Protein backbone atom coordinates (compact mmCIF):
# COMPACT_ATOMS: atom_id res chain seq x y z
CA MET A 1 -18.81 -36.74 -10.90
CA LYS A 2 -17.07 -34.75 -8.37
CA VAL A 3 -14.91 -31.80 -9.34
CA TYR A 4 -12.27 -32.69 -6.86
CA THR A 5 -10.65 -36.03 -6.82
CA LYS A 6 -7.79 -35.42 -4.39
CA THR A 7 -5.45 -37.55 -6.64
CA GLY A 8 -3.26 -34.44 -7.37
CA ASP A 9 -2.73 -33.30 -3.81
CA ALA A 10 0.72 -34.45 -3.77
CA GLY A 11 1.84 -32.46 -6.98
CA THR A 12 1.31 -35.13 -9.62
CA THR A 13 -1.35 -35.61 -12.25
CA SER A 14 -2.05 -38.20 -14.90
CA LEU A 15 -1.79 -37.70 -18.55
CA TYR A 16 -4.30 -39.31 -20.98
CA GLY A 17 -3.37 -43.01 -20.93
CA GLY A 18 -2.50 -43.13 -17.27
CA VAL A 19 1.07 -41.92 -17.14
CA LYS A 20 1.81 -39.79 -14.00
CA VAL A 21 3.92 -36.86 -14.08
CA SER A 22 4.65 -33.81 -11.98
CA LYS A 23 2.39 -30.94 -12.28
CA ASN A 24 5.32 -28.72 -13.37
CA HIS A 25 6.12 -30.97 -16.21
CA ILE A 26 6.57 -29.19 -19.55
CA ARG A 27 3.56 -31.21 -21.16
CA ILE A 28 1.26 -29.93 -18.41
CA ASP A 29 2.60 -26.32 -18.85
CA ALA A 30 1.88 -26.66 -22.57
CA TYR A 31 -1.74 -27.75 -22.21
CA GLY A 32 -2.32 -25.68 -19.20
CA THR A 33 -1.33 -22.56 -21.19
CA VAL A 34 -3.52 -23.68 -24.11
CA ASP A 35 -6.38 -23.87 -21.49
CA GLU A 36 -5.48 -20.36 -20.36
CA LEU A 37 -5.60 -19.18 -23.85
CA ASN A 38 -9.05 -20.79 -24.40
CA SER A 39 -10.29 -18.82 -21.37
CA ALA A 40 -8.85 -15.51 -22.57
CA ILE A 41 -10.65 -16.08 -25.90
CA GLY A 42 -13.80 -16.53 -23.90
CA LEU A 43 -13.26 -12.99 -22.82
CA ILE A 44 -12.87 -11.76 -26.32
CA ARG A 45 -16.28 -13.40 -27.04
CA CYS A 46 -17.84 -11.31 -24.33
CA GLY A 47 -17.21 -8.18 -26.35
CA GLU A 48 -18.51 -6.44 -29.39
CA LEU A 49 -17.93 -8.89 -32.25
CA SER A 50 -19.19 -9.54 -35.76
CA LYS A 51 -21.19 -12.76 -36.21
CA ASN A 52 -18.15 -14.02 -38.31
CA ALA A 53 -15.70 -13.31 -35.49
CA GLU A 54 -18.13 -14.96 -33.00
CA SER A 55 -18.46 -18.19 -34.85
CA GLU A 56 -14.71 -18.27 -35.76
CA LEU A 57 -13.79 -17.77 -32.18
CA ILE A 58 -16.04 -20.68 -31.23
CA GLU A 59 -14.43 -22.92 -33.69
CA VAL A 60 -10.98 -21.81 -32.34
CA GLN A 61 -11.95 -22.66 -28.75
CA LYS A 62 -13.12 -26.18 -30.00
CA ASN A 63 -9.76 -26.65 -31.79
CA LEU A 64 -7.95 -25.57 -28.56
CA PHE A 65 -9.75 -28.34 -26.61
CA HIS A 66 -8.50 -30.78 -29.24
CA ILE A 67 -5.09 -29.39 -29.00
CA GLY A 68 -5.07 -29.60 -25.23
CA ALA A 69 -6.20 -33.20 -25.49
CA GLU A 70 -3.36 -34.03 -27.79
CA LEU A 71 -0.79 -32.31 -25.71
CA ALA A 72 -2.19 -34.29 -22.72
CA THR A 73 -1.47 -37.55 -24.48
CA PRO A 74 2.06 -38.87 -24.57
CA PRO A 75 3.09 -39.69 -28.03
CA GLU A 76 3.31 -43.47 -27.45
CA LYS A 77 -0.37 -43.34 -26.22
CA LEU A 78 -1.71 -41.29 -29.10
CA PHE A 79 -2.44 -44.01 -31.58
CA LEU A 80 -4.05 -47.37 -31.19
CA ALA A 81 -2.47 -50.63 -32.48
CA ASN A 82 -4.36 -50.26 -35.71
CA GLY A 83 -2.90 -46.78 -36.30
CA LYS A 84 -6.06 -44.76 -35.50
CA SER A 85 -5.91 -41.85 -33.09
CA ARG A 86 -7.31 -42.34 -29.57
CA LEU A 87 -8.65 -38.86 -29.85
CA PRO A 88 -11.74 -37.74 -31.72
CA LYS A 89 -9.75 -35.19 -33.77
CA LEU A 90 -6.13 -34.21 -34.41
CA ILE A 91 -5.24 -30.71 -35.81
CA GLU A 92 -4.65 -30.89 -39.51
CA GLU A 93 -3.57 -28.65 -42.34
CA LYS A 94 -7.14 -27.63 -43.08
CA ASP A 95 -7.50 -26.01 -39.69
CA ILE A 96 -4.49 -23.85 -40.38
CA LEU A 97 -5.84 -22.99 -43.91
CA GLU A 98 -9.16 -21.93 -42.37
CA LEU A 99 -7.31 -19.48 -40.00
CA GLU A 100 -5.44 -18.11 -42.98
CA GLN A 101 -8.68 -17.53 -44.92
CA TRP A 102 -10.20 -15.67 -41.84
CA ILE A 103 -7.08 -13.46 -41.61
CA ASP A 104 -7.11 -12.70 -45.37
CA ARG A 105 -10.76 -11.62 -45.19
CA MET A 106 -10.29 -9.32 -42.29
CA GLU A 107 -7.14 -7.87 -43.76
CA GLU A 108 -9.06 -6.90 -46.89
CA GLU A 109 -11.02 -4.29 -44.74
CA LEU A 110 -7.95 -2.96 -42.88
CA PRO A 111 -5.35 -0.43 -43.99
CA PRO A 112 -1.99 -1.91 -44.58
CA LEU A 113 0.27 -2.29 -41.51
CA MET A 114 3.26 0.07 -41.94
CA HIS A 115 4.35 0.42 -38.22
CA PHE A 116 4.15 -1.44 -35.02
CA ILE A 117 0.97 -0.43 -33.02
CA LEU A 118 0.30 -0.03 -29.40
CA PRO A 119 -1.93 -2.84 -28.03
CA GLY A 120 -5.27 -1.31 -27.08
CA GLY A 121 -8.36 0.24 -28.84
CA ASN A 122 -11.42 -1.02 -27.20
CA LEU A 123 -11.89 -3.67 -24.55
CA THR A 124 -12.46 -6.38 -27.26
CA ALA A 125 -9.31 -5.44 -29.13
CA SER A 126 -7.39 -5.40 -25.79
CA HIS A 127 -8.61 -8.86 -24.93
CA ALA A 128 -7.68 -10.13 -28.38
CA HIS A 129 -4.08 -8.50 -27.92
CA LEU A 130 -3.78 -10.26 -24.53
CA SER A 131 -4.90 -13.60 -25.92
CA ARG A 132 -2.28 -13.14 -28.77
CA CYS A 133 0.36 -12.92 -26.10
CA ILE A 134 -0.90 -15.90 -24.24
CA CYS A 135 -0.92 -17.79 -27.63
CA ARG A 136 2.67 -16.96 -28.27
CA ARG A 137 3.58 -18.21 -24.79
CA ALA A 138 1.74 -21.45 -25.48
CA GLU A 139 3.52 -21.67 -28.83
CA ARG A 140 6.98 -21.25 -27.00
CA ILE A 141 6.26 -23.85 -24.42
CA THR A 142 4.98 -26.29 -27.15
CA VAL A 143 8.11 -25.68 -29.10
CA ALA A 144 10.22 -26.52 -26.06
CA LEU A 145 8.09 -29.76 -25.49
CA ASN A 146 8.66 -30.70 -29.05
CA GLU A 147 12.34 -30.61 -28.46
CA SER A 148 12.05 -33.42 -25.92
CA GLU A 149 9.00 -35.25 -27.22
CA LYS A 150 7.75 -34.89 -30.70
CA VAL A 151 4.40 -32.81 -31.05
CA ASN A 152 2.16 -32.95 -34.06
CA PRO A 153 3.68 -30.19 -36.30
CA HIS A 154 0.31 -28.89 -37.18
CA ILE A 155 -0.23 -27.84 -33.55
CA LEU A 156 2.87 -25.63 -33.77
CA LYS A 157 1.69 -24.07 -37.01
CA TYR A 158 -1.91 -23.70 -35.70
CA LEU A 159 -0.68 -21.79 -32.61
CA ASN A 160 1.63 -19.61 -34.68
CA ARG A 161 -1.25 -18.79 -37.19
CA LEU A 162 -3.63 -18.33 -34.32
CA SER A 163 -1.54 -15.61 -32.86
CA ASP A 164 -1.57 -13.89 -36.24
CA TYR A 165 -5.31 -14.28 -36.44
CA LEU A 166 -5.83 -12.71 -32.84
CA PHE A 167 -3.57 -9.73 -33.92
CA VAL A 168 -5.67 -9.09 -36.99
CA LEU A 169 -8.87 -9.57 -34.98
CA ALA A 170 -7.64 -6.93 -32.57
CA ARG A 171 -7.06 -4.46 -35.33
CA LYS A 172 -10.40 -5.18 -36.93
CA SER A 173 -12.29 -4.87 -33.65
CA ALA A 174 -10.67 -1.54 -32.89
CA GLN A 175 -11.49 -0.23 -36.37
CA ASP A 176 -15.17 -1.57 -36.34
CA ASN A 177 -15.61 0.30 -33.05
CA GLY A 178 -13.97 3.63 -34.35
CA HIS A 179 -10.70 3.51 -32.51
CA GLU A 180 -7.68 4.78 -34.28
CA GLU A 181 -4.48 2.82 -34.15
CA ILE A 182 -1.66 4.40 -32.20
CA LYS A 183 1.58 3.84 -34.03
CA TRP A 184 4.75 3.11 -32.18
CA LEU A 185 7.37 5.35 -33.78
CA PRO A 186 10.88 4.54 -32.14
CA ASN A 187 12.07 8.06 -32.64
CA GLU A 188 9.21 9.79 -30.75
């Protein structure tokens, strides 16, 4: 299989199911930003992480591929005539609950958050903060897509919770590597 197909040279691409759209279509922007997020999470995995965080991030990356596939599929093409999904997995409530469990576990080891903090710490924490921002952008674009074409509501919740997970992961990584959080105090 060749990497280049030349089918998109005129600025269009095909969604799953064969529907052709412009490469600037909001659906392309949504799954493209999810792909960008997945790559940014790969950078986090290159850093100093606990075994838990490493395995969690791999699971997140797999889920992001599933989200990308679902976002690349027009709603009318998502299900077969028998009601089964064309895709191997759709994001479900259990995926969101898993993120919440991971967040809760990490927060047990962190001091309570009383102020905004400046993004930073070590390189791993900084990559987590950057990934959090990309995740928020993916969420905003997916919300906009949902306003014109319905999106699985679990995707919206997953992206929202994932940004929370990435924030807590950044704090935990900074703490684990001996970096003090720098508070943002608006009157200073």
